[in-house]
Amino acid sequence: MLPAIFLQLAYLFIFIWSVAMTVQDFQSSSKNWLTVLMHISVAVVSLNFLLLSTGISL
């Protein structure tokens, strides 16, 4: 089983990547809204998992 710190770093990396992709999607002249929504949902889910793994619940 992975140590908790590696799992938390993976969640953090996924969150940062999803936010970066969302910003990049909004800077594009032609927006594919399904892709934008997918990146936002991945960011929300990864942030939720990150917070739960650190003991913070919303």
PDB file of N, CA and C in Angstrom:
ATOM      1  N   MET A   1       0.838  -1.184   0.000  1.00  0.00           N
ATOM      2  CA  MET A   1       0.000   0.000   0.000  1.00  0.00           C
ATOM      3  C   MET A   1       0.884   1.249   0.000  1.00  0.00           C
ATOM      4  N   LEU A   2       0.439   2.265  -0.729  1.00  0.00           N
ATOM      5  CA  LEU A   2       1.214   3.500  -0.821  1.00  0.00           C
ATOM      6  C   LEU A   2       1.179   4.280   0.492  1.00  0.00           C
ATOM      7  N   PRO A   3       2.300   4.875   0.857  1.00  0.00           N
ATOM      8  CA  PRO A   3       2.259   5.772   2.013  1.00  0.00           C
ATOM      9  C   PRO A   3       1.324   6.952   1.735  1.00  0.00           C
ATOM     10  N   ALA A   4       0.743   7.472   2.776  1.00  0.00           N
ATOM     11  CA  ALA A   4      -0.263   8.530   2.635  1.00  0.00           C
ATOM     12  C   ALA A   4       0.290   9.756   1.930  1.00  0.00           C
ATOM     13  N   ILE A   5       1.555  10.092   2.147  1.00  0.00           N
ATOM     14  CA  ILE A   5       2.113  11.299   1.539  1.00  0.00           C
ATOM     15  C   ILE A   5       2.149  11.186   0.012  1.00  0.00           C
ATOM     16  N   PHE A   6       2.443   9.989  -0.512  1.00  0.00           N
ATOM     17  CA  PHE A   6       2.457   9.804  -1.962  1.00  0.00           C
ATOM     18  C   PHE A   6       1.062   9.949  -2.552  1.00  0.00           C
ATOM     19  N   LEU A   7       0.092   9.427  -1.855  1.00  0.00           N
ATOM     20  CA  LEU A   7      -1.292   9.547  -2.306  1.00  0.00           C
ATOM     21  C   LEU A   7      -1.740  11.005  -2.286  1.00  0.00           C
ATOM     22  N   GLN A   8      -1.386  11.736  -1.240  1.00  0.00           N
ATOM     23  CA  GLN A   8      -1.745  13.142  -1.149  1.00  0.00           C
ATOM     24  C   GLN A   8      -1.042  13.965  -2.232  1.00  0.00           C
ATOM     25  N   LEU A   9       0.216  13.650  -2.515  1.00  0.00           N
ATOM     26  CA  LEU A   9       0.924  14.341  -3.598  1.00  0.00           C
ATOM     27  C   LEU A   9       0.286  14.057  -4.953  1.00  0.00           C
ATOM     28  N   ALA A  10      -0.176  12.829  -5.156  1.00  0.00           N
ATOM     29  CA  ALA A  10      -0.845  12.490  -6.411  1.00  0.00           C
ATOM     30  C   ALA A  10      -2.153  13.265  -6.548  1.00  0.00           C
ATOM     31  N   TYR A  11      -2.931  13.351  -5.465  1.00  0.00           N
ATOM     32  CA  TYR A  11      -4.171  14.134  -5.501  1.00  0.00           C
ATOM     33  C   TYR A  11      -3.876  15.599  -5.772  1.00  0.00           C
ATOM     34  N   LEU A  12      -2.823  16.126  -5.145  1.00  0.00           N
ATOM     35  CA  LEU A  12      -2.448  17.521  -5.355  1.00  0.00           C
ATOM     36  C   LEU A  12      -2.018  17.762  -6.795  1.00  0.00           C
ATOM     37  N   PHE A  13      -1.238  16.843  -7.358  1.00  0.00           N
ATOM     38  CA  PHE A  13      -0.798  16.973  -8.747  1.00  0.00           C
ATOM     39  C   PHE A  13      -1.994  16.951  -9.700  1.00  0.00           C
ATOM     40  N   ILE A  14      -2.931  16.041  -9.480  1.00  0.00           N
ATOM     41  CA  ILE A  14      -4.120  15.956 -10.327  1.00  0.00           C
ATOM     42  C   ILE A  14      -4.939  17.240 -10.226  1.00  0.00           C
ATOM     43  N   PHE A  15      -5.071  17.782  -9.009  1.00  0.00           N
ATOM     44  CA  PHE A  15      -5.814  19.029  -8.817  1.00  0.00           C
ATOM     45  C   PHE A  15      -5.151  20.184  -9.567  1.00  0.00           C
ATOM     46  N   ILE A  16      -3.835  20.329  -9.420  1.00  0.00           N
ATOM     47  CA  ILE A  16      -3.122  21.422 -10.085  1.00  0.00           C
ATOM     48  C   ILE A  16      -3.209  21.280 -11.598  1.00  0.00           C
ATOM     49  N   TRP A  17      -3.052  20.056 -12.104  1.00  0.00           N
ATOM     50  CA  TRP A  17      -3.140  19.833 -13.546  1.00  0.00           C
ATOM     51  C   TRP A  17      -4.539  20.183 -14.067  1.00  0.00           C
ATOM     52  N   SER A  18      -5.568  19.790 -13.342  1.00  0.00           N
ATOM     53  CA  SER A  18      -6.939  20.061 -13.779  1.00  0.00           C
ATOM     54  C   SER A  18      -7.236  21.557 -13.793  1.00  0.00           C
ATOM     55  N   VAL A  19      -6.754  22.267 -12.784  1.00  0.00           N
ATOM     56  CA  VAL A  19      -6.961  23.716 -12.749  1.00  0.00           C
ATOM     57  C   VAL A  19      -6.206  24.372 -13.901  1.00  0.00           C
ATOM     58  N   ALA A  20      -4.982  23.930 -14.156  1.00  0.00           N
ATOM     59  CA  ALA A  20      -4.203  24.491 -15.266  1.00  0.00           C
ATOM     60  C   ALA A  20      -4.896  24.238 -16.604  1.00  0.00           C
ATOM     61  N   MET A  21      -5.439  23.043 -16.791  1.00  0.00           N
ATOM     62  CA  MET A  21      -6.142  22.734 -18.031  1.00  0.00           C
ATOM     63  C   MET A  21      -7.430  23.556 -18.160  1.00  0.00           C
ATOM     64  N   THR A  22      -8.107  23.804 -17.041  1.00  0.00           N
ATOM     65  CA  THR A  22      -9.322  24.630 -17.069  1.00  0.00           C
ATOM     66  C   THR A  22      -8.982  26.051 -17.477  1.00  0.00           C
ATOM     67  N   VAL A  23      -7.903  26.599 -16.924  1.00  0.00           N
ATOM     68  CA  VAL A  23      -7.470  27.953 -17.300  1.00  0.00           C
ATOM     69  C   VAL A  23      -7.106  27.986 -18.781  1.00  0.00           C
ATOM     70  N   GLN A  24      -6.404  26.977 -19.243  1.00  0.00           N
ATOM     71  CA  GLN A  24      -6.032  26.904 -20.653  1.00  0.00           C
ATOM     72  C   GLN A  24      -7.278  26.791 -21.537  1.00  0.00           C
ATOM     73  N   ASP A  25      -8.273  26.031 -21.096  1.00  0.00           N
ATOM     74  CA  ASP A  25      -9.519  25.904 -21.859  1.00  0.00           C
ATOM     75  C   ASP A  25     -10.226  27.251 -21.982  1.00  0.00           C
ATOM     76  N   PHE A  26     -10.234  28.034 -20.893  1.00  0.00           N
ATOM     77  CA  PHE A  26     -10.906  29.328 -20.934  1.00  0.00           C
ATOM     78  C   PHE A  26     -10.150  30.348 -21.787  1.00  0.00           C
ATOM     79  N   GLN A  27      -8.852  30.171 -21.967  1.00  0.00           N
ATOM     80  CA  GLN A  27      -8.077  31.087 -22.795  1.00  0.00           C
ATOM     81  C   GLN A  27      -8.215  30.778 -24.277  1.00  0.00           C
ATOM     82  N   SER A  28      -8.738  29.621 -24.607  1.00  0.00           N
ATOM     83  CA  SER A  28      -8.926  29.229 -26.000  1.00  0.00           C
ATOM     84  C   SER A  28     -10.071  30.025 -26.619  1.00  0.00           C
ATOM     85  N   SER A  29      -9.940  30.317 -27.895  1.00  0.00           N
ATOM     86  CA  SER A  29     -10.981  31.099 -28.570  1.00  0.00           C
ATOM     87  C   SER A  29     -12.251  30.268 -28.794  1.00  0.00           C
ATOM     88  N   SER A  30     -12.089  28.993 -29.103  1.00  0.00           N
ATOM     89  CA  SER A  30     -13.264  28.126 -29.267  1.00  0.00           C
ATOM     90  C   SER A  30     -13.276  27.134 -28.105  1.00  0.00           C
ATOM     91  N   LYS A  31     -14.289  27.254 -27.277  1.00  0.00           N
ATOM     92  CA  LYS A  31     -14.352  26.442 -26.064  1.00  0.00           C
ATOM     93  C   LYS A  31     -15.163  25.167 -26.294  1.00  0.00           C
ATOM     94  N   ASN A  32     -14.598  24.062 -25.891  1.00  0.00           N
ATOM     95  CA  ASN A  32     -15.325  22.804 -25.857  1.00  0.00           C
ATOM     96  C   ASN A  32     -15.822  22.657 -24.426  1.00  0.00           C
ATOM     97  N   TRP A  33     -17.100  22.936 -24.208  1.00  0.00           N
ATOM     98  CA  TRP A  33     -17.630  23.020 -22.855  1.00  0.00           C
ATOM     99  C   TRP A  33     -17.621  21.687 -22.132  1.00  0.00           C
ATOM    100  N   LEU A  34     -17.709  20.596 -22.859  1.00  0.00           N
ATOM    101  CA  LEU A  34     -17.644  19.287 -22.218  1.00  0.00           C
ATOM    102  C   LEU A  34     -16.258  19.059 -21.613  1.00  0.00           C
ATOM    103  N   THR A  35     -15.218  19.470 -22.305  1.00  0.00           N
ATOM    104  CA  THR A  35     -13.855  19.363 -21.786  1.00  0.00           C
ATOM    105  C   THR A  35     -13.659  20.270 -20.581  1.00  0.00           C
ATOM    106  N   VAL A  36     -14.199  21.479 -20.643  1.00  0.00           N
ATOM    107  CA  VAL A  36     -14.102  22.411 -19.521  1.00  0.00           C
ATOM    108  C   VAL A  36     -14.773  21.808 -18.288  1.00  0.00           C
ATOM    109  N   LEU A  37     -15.975  21.275 -18.461  1.00  0.00           N
ATOM    110  CA  LEU A  37     -16.699  20.667 -17.340  1.00  0.00           C
ATOM    111  C   LEU A  37     -15.982  19.439 -16.795  1.00  0.00           C
ATOM    112  N   MET A  38     -15.362  18.664 -17.670  1.00  0.00           N
ATOM    113  CA  MET A  38     -14.627  17.487 -17.227  1.00  0.00           C
ATOM    114  C   MET A  38     -13.427  17.896 -16.377  1.00  0.00           C
ATOM    115  N   HIS A  39     -12.684  18.914 -16.799  1.00  0.00           N
ATOM    116  CA  HIS A  39     -11.532  19.370 -16.024  1.00  0.00           C
ATOM    117  C   HIS A  39     -11.963  19.943 -14.677  1.00  0.00           C
ATOM    118  N   ILE A  40     -13.061  20.665 -14.657  1.00  0.00           N
ATOM    119  CA  ILE A  40     -13.564  21.218 -13.391  1.00  0.00           C
ATOM    120  C   ILE A  40     -13.985  20.087 -12.457  1.00  0.00           C
ATOM    121  N   SER A  41     -14.671  19.083 -12.989  1.00  0.00           N
ATOM    122  CA  SER A  41     -15.132  17.984 -12.131  1.00  0.00           C
ATOM    123  C   SER A  41     -13.959  17.165 -11.599  1.00  0.00           C
ATOM    124  N   VAL A  42     -12.934  16.951 -12.403  1.00  0.00           N
ATOM    125  CA  VAL A  42     -11.747  16.234 -11.923  1.00  0.00           C
ATOM    126  C   VAL A  42     -11.064  17.037 -10.819  1.00  0.00           C
ATOM    127  N   ALA A  43     -11.001  18.365 -10.966  1.00  0.00           N
ATOM    128  CA  ALA A  43     -10.402  19.205  -9.929  1.00  0.00           C
ATOM    129  C   ALA A  43     -11.194  19.125  -8.629  1.00  0.00           C
ATOM    130  N   VAL A  44     -12.509  19.144  -8.723  1.00  0.00           N
ATOM    131  CA  VAL A  44     -13.348  19.088  -7.513  1.00  0.00           C
ATOM    132  C   VAL A  44     -13.201  17.736  -6.814  1.00  0.00           C
ATOM    133  N   VAL A  45     -13.229  16.660  -7.576  1.00  0.00           N
ATOM    134  CA  VAL A  45     -13.118  15.325  -6.984  1.00  0.00           C
ATOM    135  C   VAL A  45     -11.732  15.117  -6.363  1.00  0.00           C
ATOM    136  N   SER A  46     -10.683  15.539  -7.060  1.00  0.00           N
ATOM    137  CA  SER A  46      -9.338  15.363  -6.505  1.00  0.00           C
ATOM    138  C   SER A  46      -9.139  16.225  -5.261  1.00  0.00           C
ATOM    139  N   LEU A  47      -9.705  17.435  -5.240  1.00  0.00           N
ATOM    140  CA  LEU A  47      -9.613  18.269  -4.047  1.00  0.00           C
ATOM    141  C   LEU A  47     -10.357  17.626  -2.882  1.00  0.00           C
ATOM    142  N   ASN A  48     -11.513  17.035  -3.166  1.00  0.00           N
ATOM    143  CA  ASN A  48     -12.268  16.336  -2.128  1.00  0.00           C
ATOM    144  C   ASN A  48     -11.462  15.165  -1.565  1.00  0.00           C
ATOM    145  N   PHE A  49     -10.874  14.356  -2.431  1.00  0.00           N
ATOM    146  CA  PHE A  49     -10.056  13.236  -1.968  1.00  0.00           C
ATOM    147  C   PHE A  49      -8.852  13.721  -1.174  1.00  0.00           C
ATOM    148  N   LEU A  50      -8.223  14.814  -1.621  1.00  0.00           N
ATOM    149  CA  LEU A  50      -7.071  15.364  -0.913  1.00  0.00           C
ATOM    150  C   LEU A  50      -7.464  15.821   0.488  1.00  0.00           C
ATOM    151  N   LEU A  51      -8.571  16.527   0.583  1.00  0.00           N
ATOM    152  CA  LEU A  51      -9.015  17.002   1.885  1.00  0.00           C
ATOM    153  C   LEU A  51      -9.409  15.848   2.806  1.00  0.00           C
ATOM    154  N   LEU A  52     -10.081  14.845   2.257  1.00  0.00           N
ATOM    155  CA  LEU A  52     -10.459  13.689   3.071  1.00  0.00           C
ATOM    156  C   LEU A  52      -9.237  12.915   3.554  1.00  0.00           C
ATOM    157  N   SER A  53      -8.203  12.833   2.710  1.00  0.00           N
ATOM    158  CA  SER A  53      -7.005  12.089   3.107  1.00  0.00           C
ATOM    159  C   SER A  53      -6.205  12.825   4.171  1.00  0.00           C
ATOM    160  N   THR A  54      -6.407  14.137   4.294  1.00  0.00           N
ATOM    161  CA  THR A  54      -5.726  14.894   5.344  1.00  0.00           C
ATOM    162  C   THR A  54      -6.579  15.028   6.595  1.00  0.00           C
ATOM    163  N   GLY A  55      -7.797  14.511   6.545  1.00  0.00           N
ATOM    164  CA  GLY A  55      -8.663  14.544   7.715  1.00  0.00           C
ATOM    165  C   GLY A  55      -9.601  15.724   7.758  1.00  0.00           C
ATOM    166  N   ILE A  56      -9.659  16.498   6.694  1.00  0.00           N
ATOM    167  CA  ILE A  56     -10.556  17.650   6.624  1.00  0.00           C
ATOM    168  C   ILE A  56     -11.796  17.228   5.857  1.00  0.00           C
ATOM    169  N   SER A  57     -12.972  17.427   6.436  1.00  0.00           N
ATOM    170  CA  SER A  57     -14.208  17.087   5.727  1.00  0.00           C
ATOM    171  C   SER A  57     -15.047  18.349   5.547  1.00  0.00           C
ATOM    172  N   LEU A  58     -15.706  18.429   4.425  1.00  0.00           N
ATOM    173  CA  LEU A  58     -16.533  19.599   4.119  1.00  0.00           C
ATOM    174  C   LEU A  58     -17.980  19.328   4.410  1.00  0.00           C
TER     175      LEU A  58
END
